[in-house]
Amino acid sequence: MAERVRVREISDAEGRRLPRIIRRGTGSVVTWRRAQMVLLSAQGMPVAKIAEVTFTSADRIRDVIHNFDTGGFDSLCPKYKGERPRTFTRSERREIKKIAKSRPAEHDLPFSTRSLAKPADFLVTEGVVDDISHEGLRPDQPRR
């Protein structure tokens, strides 16, 4: 029988904080995705279904749940080494630009509206980049 993994019992305060992270829509896509995984687990969704809904592996979901159980909200934030953020390679920039300018239907995505969050999440899910903020996709503002 398959192991049933579920996030520990969360407090009322944690239960209010997780949706705020998800609804805020700013900051790291990684934090947003991890909070979504934890919230779905807290709501009783099985790991396999969370993996299907979030387009990731069941092993990754289990890791996020175990990390949250031991590290709390700190585990939701990506751990960077304190150095200057990595710049994207020329090929990564080309792929980011192509996806940002395309329509969701061109990638068989189930939504029709454009946003900054959806392509950022898609880029991480597809493995184009490890992490990108929603703001990283914002087009440059015209110079005055």
Protein backbone atom coordinates (compact mmCIF):
# COMPACT_ATOMS: atom_id res chain seq x y z
CA MET A 1 0.00 0.00 0.00
CA ALA A 2 1.28 3.47 -0.85
CA GLU A 3 2.43 5.75 1.92
CA ARG A 4 -0.07 8.48 2.83
CA VAL A 5 1.74 11.75 3.29
CA ARG A 6 -0.14 14.72 4.66
CA VAL A 7 1.01 17.97 6.19
CA ARG A 8 0.90 18.18 9.97
CA GLU A 9 -2.10 19.82 11.65
CA ILE A 10 -1.82 23.53 10.91
CA SER A 11 -2.87 26.27 13.32
CA ASP A 12 -5.61 28.79 12.57
CA ALA A 13 -2.97 31.49 12.02
CA GLU A 14 -1.10 29.26 9.55
CA GLY A 15 -4.40 28.44 7.86
CA ARG A 16 -4.98 32.18 7.28
CA ARG A 17 -1.38 32.89 6.23
CA LEU A 18 -1.12 30.25 3.47
CA PRO A 19 -3.98 31.67 1.33
CA ARG A 20 -2.56 35.19 1.77
CA ILE A 21 0.76 34.02 0.29
CA ILE A 22 -1.07 32.40 -2.61
CA ARG A 23 -3.42 35.33 -3.31
CA ARG A 24 -0.73 37.99 -3.01
CA GLY A 25 0.80 36.93 -6.34
CA THR A 26 4.04 38.81 -5.82
CA GLY A 27 7.49 37.55 -4.99
CA SER A 28 8.95 34.17 -5.76
CA VAL A 29 7.03 31.66 -7.84
CA VAL A 30 8.73 28.95 -5.80
CA THR A 31 7.27 30.28 -2.53
CA TRP A 32 3.83 30.60 -4.13
CA ARG A 33 3.93 27.01 -5.47
CA ARG A 34 5.15 25.54 -2.19
CA ALA A 35 2.43 27.37 -0.22
CA GLN A 36 -0.14 26.05 -2.67
CA MET A 37 1.11 22.46 -2.18
CA VAL A 38 0.99 22.76 1.62
CA LEU A 39 -2.50 24.30 1.59
CA LEU A 40 -3.88 21.58 -0.68
CA SER A 41 -2.40 18.93 1.61
CA ALA A 42 -3.91 20.65 4.67
CA GLN A 43 -7.27 20.55 2.91
CA GLY A 44 -6.94 16.75 2.61
CA MET A 45 -5.94 16.41 -1.04
CA PRO A 46 -3.77 13.32 -1.64
CA VAL A 47 -0.19 13.72 -2.87
CA ALA A 48 -0.92 12.22 -6.30
CA LYS A 49 -3.73 14.72 -6.92
CA ILE A 50 -1.62 17.67 -5.70
CA ALA A 51 1.13 16.57 -8.11
CA GLU A 52 -1.40 16.46 -10.95
CA VAL A 53 -2.88 19.88 -10.11
CA THR A 54 0.50 21.58 -9.65
CA PHE A 55 2.23 19.84 -12.58
CA THR A 56 5.06 18.42 -10.48
CA SER A 57 6.16 15.05 -9.15
CA ALA A 58 4.74 13.30 -6.13
CA ASP A 59 8.28 13.10 -4.72
CA ARG A 60 8.58 16.90 -4.89
CA ILE A 61 5.23 17.29 -3.10
CA ARG A 62 6.39 14.92 -0.34
CA ASP A 63 9.63 16.91 0.06
CA VAL A 64 7.72 20.19 0.38
CA ILE A 65 5.33 18.70 2.95
CA HIS A 66 8.14 17.17 5.02
CA ASN A 67 10.13 20.42 4.87
CA PHE A 68 7.09 22.44 5.98
CA ASP A 69 6.43 20.00 8.83
CA THR A 70 9.96 20.53 10.16
CA GLY A 71 10.77 24.10 9.06
CA GLY A 72 7.41 25.87 8.91
CA PHE A 73 7.02 28.93 6.72
CA ASP A 74 10.78 29.40 6.35
CA SER A 75 10.83 26.21 4.28
CA LEU A 76 8.56 27.83 1.67
CA CYS A 77 11.17 30.41 0.69
CA PRO A 78 13.93 29.42 -1.74
CA LYS A 79 17.35 29.24 -0.15
CA TYR A 80 19.85 31.34 -2.04
CA LYS A 81 23.48 31.55 -1.12
CA GLY A 82 23.47 35.30 -0.55
CA GLU A 83 25.33 36.05 -3.75
CA ARG A 84 24.15 38.13 -6.66
CA PRO A 85 21.12 36.50 -8.31
CA ARG A 86 22.04 34.38 -11.29
CA THR A 87 21.48 36.05 -14.62
CA PHE A 88 19.70 34.13 -17.32
CA THR A 89 21.67 32.73 -20.23
CA ARG A 90 20.96 33.92 -23.74
CA SER A 91 18.98 30.74 -24.52
CA GLU A 92 16.96 31.06 -21.28
CA ARG A 93 16.15 34.69 -22.10
CA ARG A 94 15.08 33.66 -25.60
CA GLU A 95 12.76 30.96 -24.20
CA ILE A 96 11.38 33.30 -21.52
CA LYS A 97 10.60 35.92 -24.15
CA LYS A 98 8.99 33.36 -26.47
CA ILE A 99 6.72 32.02 -23.73
CA ALA A 100 5.87 35.47 -22.36
CA LYS A 101 4.75 36.63 -25.81
CA SER A 102 2.79 33.48 -26.69
CA ARG A 103 -0.82 32.63 -26.02
CA PRO A 104 -1.58 30.00 -23.34
CA ALA A 105 -3.32 27.78 -25.92
CA GLU A 106 -0.05 27.45 -27.84
CA HIS A 107 1.31 25.47 -24.88
CA ASP A 108 -1.89 23.45 -24.25
CA LEU A 109 -2.56 25.40 -21.05
CA PRO A 110 -6.14 25.37 -19.72
CA PHE A 111 -6.62 29.12 -19.38
CA SER A 112 -7.22 31.89 -21.86
CA THR A 113 -6.24 35.05 -20.02
CA ARG A 114 -2.77 36.48 -19.76
CA SER A 115 -1.07 37.34 -16.49
CA LEU A 116 2.47 37.58 -15.18
CA ALA A 117 2.00 34.75 -12.66
CA LYS A 118 0.92 32.05 -15.10
CA PRO A 119 3.90 32.27 -17.50
CA ALA A 120 6.32 32.54 -14.56
CA ASP A 121 4.85 29.38 -13.04
CA PHE A 122 4.93 27.66 -16.44
CA LEU A 123 8.63 28.53 -16.93
CA VAL A 124 9.51 26.94 -13.58
CA THR A 125 7.28 23.91 -14.19
CA GLU A 126 8.80 23.30 -17.62
CA GLY A 127 12.32 23.56 -16.21
CA VAL A 128 13.31 26.55 -18.35
CA VAL A 129 14.48 28.35 -15.18
CA ASP A 130 14.76 27.35 -11.51
CA ASP A 131 12.99 30.48 -10.29
CA ILE A 132 11.70 33.75 -11.72
CA SER A 133 9.61 36.42 -10.07
CA HIS A 134 6.42 37.62 -11.67
CA GLU A 135 8.09 41.00 -11.99
CA GLY A 136 10.88 39.36 -13.98
CA LEU A 137 8.38 39.00 -16.82
CA ARG A 138 7.12 42.57 -16.75
CA PRO A 139 7.95 44.34 -20.01
CA ASP A 140 10.36 47.24 -19.73
CA GLN A 141 8.63 50.54 -19.22
CA PRO A 142 9.23 53.16 -21.93
CA ARG A 143 11.96 55.60 -21.04
CA ARG A 144 10.96 59.22 -20.67
